[in-house]
Amino acid sequence: MLTALDQVANRNHLQLLKALLPYIHPGRQRMLSVCIKMMEMQNILRFYDHGDCCVSACSLSGDAPEMLDILADIRNYCDLEEQQMIDQCIQLMSAMELYSMFYEDNNDNTSAPPGKEMSYDE
């Protein structure tokens, strides 16, 4: 899976050249690898030279990205152990958000904050 920047960098079928590397004579692999990386850099520089071009998440509309969206996206590039850690973080954040929504819904002007009981004498 390619990141958005990899998609920009690997235009001109550079992924095909990378796939061919193991089949090239070992003495020529080094030079071809360097050439591929140089072409990737050229593609990236050309992309950013167009002024208003940038790599961004489709869901961004100027607002700060949601942490859950970021974690879900980077999870795709992690190994199994890292994915499990991210899954735990996502579950924890989701539970905290659910608790927060529940607390806000139940916290109107007649309820007291947690740890403080209401007194009708006040």
C-alpha atoms as a PDB file:
ATOM      1  CA  MET A   1       0.000   0.000   0.000  1.00  0.00           C
ATOM      2  CA  LEU A   2       1.387   3.359  -0.999  1.00  0.00           C
ATOM      3  CA  THR A   3       1.033   6.526   1.020  1.00  0.00           C
ATOM      4  CA  ALA A   4      -0.207   9.689  -0.698  1.00  0.00           C
ATOM      5  CA  LEU A   5       3.387  10.940  -0.976  1.00  0.00           C
ATOM      6  CA  ASP A   6       4.521   7.606  -2.427  1.00  0.00           C
ATOM      7  CA  GLN A   7       1.813   7.915  -5.069  1.00  0.00           C
ATOM      8  CA  VAL A   8       3.202  11.313  -6.043  1.00  0.00           C
ATOM      9  CA  ALA A   9       6.801  10.096  -5.980  1.00  0.00           C
ATOM     10  CA  ASN A  10       6.226   6.866  -7.898  1.00  0.00           C
ATOM     11  CA  ARG A  11       4.694   8.215 -11.052  1.00  0.00           C
ATOM     12  CA  ASN A  12       6.179   7.109 -14.361  1.00  0.00           C
ATOM     13  CA  HIS A  13       5.877   3.438 -13.383  1.00  0.00           C
ATOM     14  CA  LEU A  14       8.700   3.592 -10.855  1.00  0.00           C
ATOM     15  CA  GLN A  15       7.050   0.788  -8.870  1.00  0.00           C
ATOM     16  CA  LEU A  16       7.567  -1.448 -11.904  1.00  0.00           C
ATOM     17  CA  LEU A  17      11.270  -0.595 -11.955  1.00  0.00           C
ATOM     18  CA  LYS A  18      11.500  -1.378  -8.256  1.00  0.00           C
ATOM     19  CA  ALA A  19       9.835  -4.738  -8.845  1.00  0.00           C
ATOM     20  CA  LEU A  20      12.404  -5.504 -11.550  1.00  0.00           C
ATOM     21  CA  LEU A  21      15.417  -4.802  -9.318  1.00  0.00           C
ATOM     22  CA  PRO A  22      15.885  -8.408  -8.072  1.00  0.00           C
ATOM     23  CA  TYR A  23      16.110  -9.561 -11.704  1.00  0.00           C
ATOM     24  CA  ILE A  24      18.805  -7.066 -12.689  1.00  0.00           C
ATOM     25  CA  HIS A  25      22.483  -8.010 -12.578  1.00  0.00           C
ATOM     26  CA  PRO A  26      23.734  -7.357  -8.992  1.00  0.00           C
ATOM     27  CA  GLY A  27      26.410  -4.980 -10.261  1.00  0.00           C
ATOM     28  CA  ARG A  28      23.759  -2.724 -11.807  1.00  0.00           C
ATOM     29  CA  GLN A  29      21.163  -2.808  -9.028  1.00  0.00           C
ATOM     30  CA  ARG A  30      22.876  -0.097  -7.006  1.00  0.00           C
ATOM     31  CA  MET A  31      22.935   2.407  -9.857  1.00  0.00           C
ATOM     32  CA  LEU A  32      19.352   1.645 -10.895  1.00  0.00           C
ATOM     33  CA  SER A  33      18.183   2.018  -7.266  1.00  0.00           C
ATOM     34  CA  VAL A  34      19.824   5.429  -7.022  1.00  0.00           C
ATOM     35  CA  CYS A  35      18.290   6.479 -10.352  1.00  0.00           C
ATOM     36  CA  ILE A  36      14.838   5.407  -9.165  1.00  0.00           C
ATOM     37  CA  LYS A  37      15.206   7.426  -5.950  1.00  0.00           C
ATOM     38  CA  MET A  38      16.378  10.459  -7.933  1.00  0.00           C
ATOM     39  CA  MET A  39      13.314  10.192 -10.198  1.00  0.00           C
ATOM     40  CA  GLU A  40      11.090   9.956  -7.107  1.00  0.00           C
ATOM     41  CA  MET A  41      12.653  13.148  -5.754  1.00  0.00           C
ATOM     42  CA  GLN A  42      12.125  14.889  -9.091  1.00  0.00           C
ATOM     43  CA  ASN A  43       8.467  13.869  -9.085  1.00  0.00           C
ATOM     44  CA  ILE A  44       8.001  15.216  -5.557  1.00  0.00           C
ATOM     45  CA  LEU A  45       9.733  18.511  -6.362  1.00  0.00           C
ATOM     46  CA  ARG A  46       7.660  18.915  -9.550  1.00  0.00           C
ATOM     47  CA  PHE A  47       4.492  18.221  -7.577  1.00  0.00           C
ATOM     48  CA  TYR A  48       5.232  20.926  -4.995  1.00  0.00           C
ATOM     49  CA  ASP A  49       6.428  23.393  -7.622  1.00  0.00           C
ATOM     50  CA  HIS A  50       2.833  23.727  -8.826  1.00  0.00           C
ATOM     51  CA  GLY A  51       2.150  26.187  -5.992  1.00  0.00           C
ATOM     52  CA  ASP A  52      -1.095  25.137  -4.341  1.00  0.00           C
ATOM     53  CA  CYS A  53      -0.421  21.387  -4.530  1.00  0.00           C
ATOM     54  CA  CYS A  54      -0.242  19.513  -1.268  1.00  0.00           C
ATOM     55  CA  VAL A  55      -0.836  16.039   0.084  1.00  0.00           C
ATOM     56  CA  SER A  56      -3.835  15.988   2.400  1.00  0.00           C
ATOM     57  CA  ALA A  57      -6.559  13.753   3.704  1.00  0.00           C
ATOM     58  CA  CYS A  58      -9.774  14.038   1.721  1.00  0.00           C
ATOM     59  CA  SER A  59     -11.822  14.628   4.846  1.00  0.00           C
ATOM     60  CA  LEU A  60      -9.844  17.689   5.925  1.00  0.00           C
ATOM     61  CA  SER A  61     -11.627  20.986   5.434  1.00  0.00           C
ATOM     62  CA  GLY A  62      -9.262  23.302   7.245  1.00  0.00           C
ATOM     63  CA  ASP A  63     -10.157  21.873  10.642  1.00  0.00           C
ATOM     64  CA  ALA A  64      -7.681  19.958  12.745  1.00  0.00           C
ATOM     65  CA  PRO A  65      -7.812  16.271  11.853  1.00  0.00           C
ATOM     66  CA  GLU A  66      -9.470  13.886  14.265  1.00  0.00           C
ATOM     67  CA  MET A  67      -7.006  11.667  16.126  1.00  0.00           C
ATOM     68  CA  LEU A  68      -9.116   8.575  15.426  1.00  0.00           C
ATOM     69  CA  ASP A  69      -8.867   9.261  11.675  1.00  0.00           C
ATOM     70  CA  ILE A  70      -5.099   9.700  11.909  1.00  0.00           C
ATOM     71  CA  LEU A  71      -4.661   6.480  13.883  1.00  0.00           C
ATOM     72  CA  ALA A  72      -6.872   4.534  11.479  1.00  0.00           C
ATOM     73  CA  ASP A  73      -4.817   5.804   8.533  1.00  0.00           C
ATOM     74  CA  ILE A  74      -1.346   5.129   9.943  1.00  0.00           C
ATOM     75  CA  ARG A  75      -2.495   1.694  11.150  1.00  0.00           C
ATOM     76  CA  ASN A  76      -2.340   0.528   7.526  1.00  0.00           C
ATOM     77  CA  TYR A  77       1.453   0.935   7.545  1.00  0.00           C
ATOM     78  CA  CYS A  78       2.176  -0.827  10.846  1.00  0.00           C
ATOM     79  CA  ASP A  79       3.172  -4.371  11.667  1.00  0.00           C
ATOM     80  CA  LEU A  80       0.765  -6.621  13.578  1.00  0.00           C
ATOM     81  CA  GLU A  81       2.008  -5.661  17.063  1.00  0.00           C
ATOM     82  CA  GLU A  82       1.786  -1.943  16.269  1.00  0.00           C
ATOM     83  CA  GLN A  83      -1.696  -2.432  14.790  1.00  0.00           C
ATOM     84  CA  GLN A  84      -2.829  -4.069  18.026  1.00  0.00           C
ATOM     85  CA  MET A  85      -1.488  -1.135  20.051  1.00  0.00           C
ATOM     86  CA  ILE A  86      -3.262   1.334  17.776  1.00  0.00           C
ATOM     87  CA  ASP A  87      -6.473  -0.716  18.033  1.00  0.00           C
ATOM     88  CA  GLN A  88      -6.266  -0.472  21.839  1.00  0.00           C
ATOM     89  CA  CYS A  89      -5.766   3.302  21.608  1.00  0.00           C
ATOM     90  CA  ILE A  90      -8.728   3.618  19.241  1.00  0.00           C
ATOM     91  CA  GLN A  91     -10.921   1.545  21.582  1.00  0.00           C
ATOM     92  CA  LEU A  92      -9.861   3.618  24.580  1.00  0.00           C
ATOM     93  CA  MET A  93     -10.437   6.920  22.793  1.00  0.00           C
ATOM     94  CA  SER A  94     -13.834   5.734  21.552  1.00  0.00           C
ATOM     95  CA  ALA A  95     -14.831   4.724  25.080  1.00  0.00           C
ATOM     96  CA  MET A  96     -13.688   8.079  26.459  1.00  0.00           C
ATOM     97  CA  GLU A  97     -15.650   9.914  23.758  1.00  0.00           C
ATOM     98  CA  LEU A  98     -18.743   7.825  24.505  1.00  0.00           C
ATOM     99  CA  TYR A  99     -18.403   8.577  28.236  1.00  0.00           C
ATOM    100  CA  SER A 100     -17.962  12.260  27.496  1.00  0.00           C
ATOM    101  CA  MET A 101     -21.078  12.342  25.315  1.00  0.00           C
ATOM    102  CA  PHE A 102     -23.056  10.436  27.951  1.00  0.00           C
ATOM    103  CA  TYR A 103     -21.881  12.799  30.700  1.00  0.00           C
ATOM    104  CA  GLU A 104     -22.712  15.904  28.645  1.00  0.00           C
ATOM    105  CA  ASP A 105     -26.201  14.567  27.833  1.00  0.00           C
ATOM    106  CA  ASN A 106     -26.892  13.848  31.500  1.00  0.00           C
ATOM    107  CA  ASN A 107     -25.261  17.002  32.822  1.00  0.00           C
ATOM    108  CA  ASP A 108     -27.891  19.731  32.699  1.00  0.00           C
ATOM    109  CA  ASN A 109     -28.427  22.575  35.143  1.00  0.00           C
ATOM    110  CA  THR A 110     -30.044  20.325  37.758  1.00  0.00           C
ATOM    111  CA  SER A 111     -27.185  17.879  38.129  1.00  0.00           C
ATOM    112  CA  ALA A 112     -24.009  18.340  40.098  1.00  0.00           C
ATOM    113  CA  PRO A 113     -20.528  17.586  38.774  1.00  0.00           C
ATOM    114  CA  PRO A 114     -19.105  14.189  39.688  1.00  0.00           C
ATOM    115  CA  GLY A 115     -17.985  14.029  43.317  1.00  0.00           C
ATOM    116  CA  LYS A 116     -20.266  16.896  44.435  1.00  0.00           C
ATOM    117  CA  GLU A 117     -23.758  16.212  45.649  1.00  0.00           C
ATOM    118  CA  MET A 118     -26.535  18.719  45.172  1.00  0.00           C
ATOM    119  CA  SER A 119     -28.117  20.351  48.171  1.00  0.00           C
ATOM    120  CA  TYR A 120     -31.639  21.694  47.970  1.00  0.00           C
ATOM    121  CA  ASP A 121     -30.896  24.137  50.824  1.00  0.00           C
ATOM    122  CA  GLU A 122     -28.722  26.301  48.586  1.00  0.00           C
END
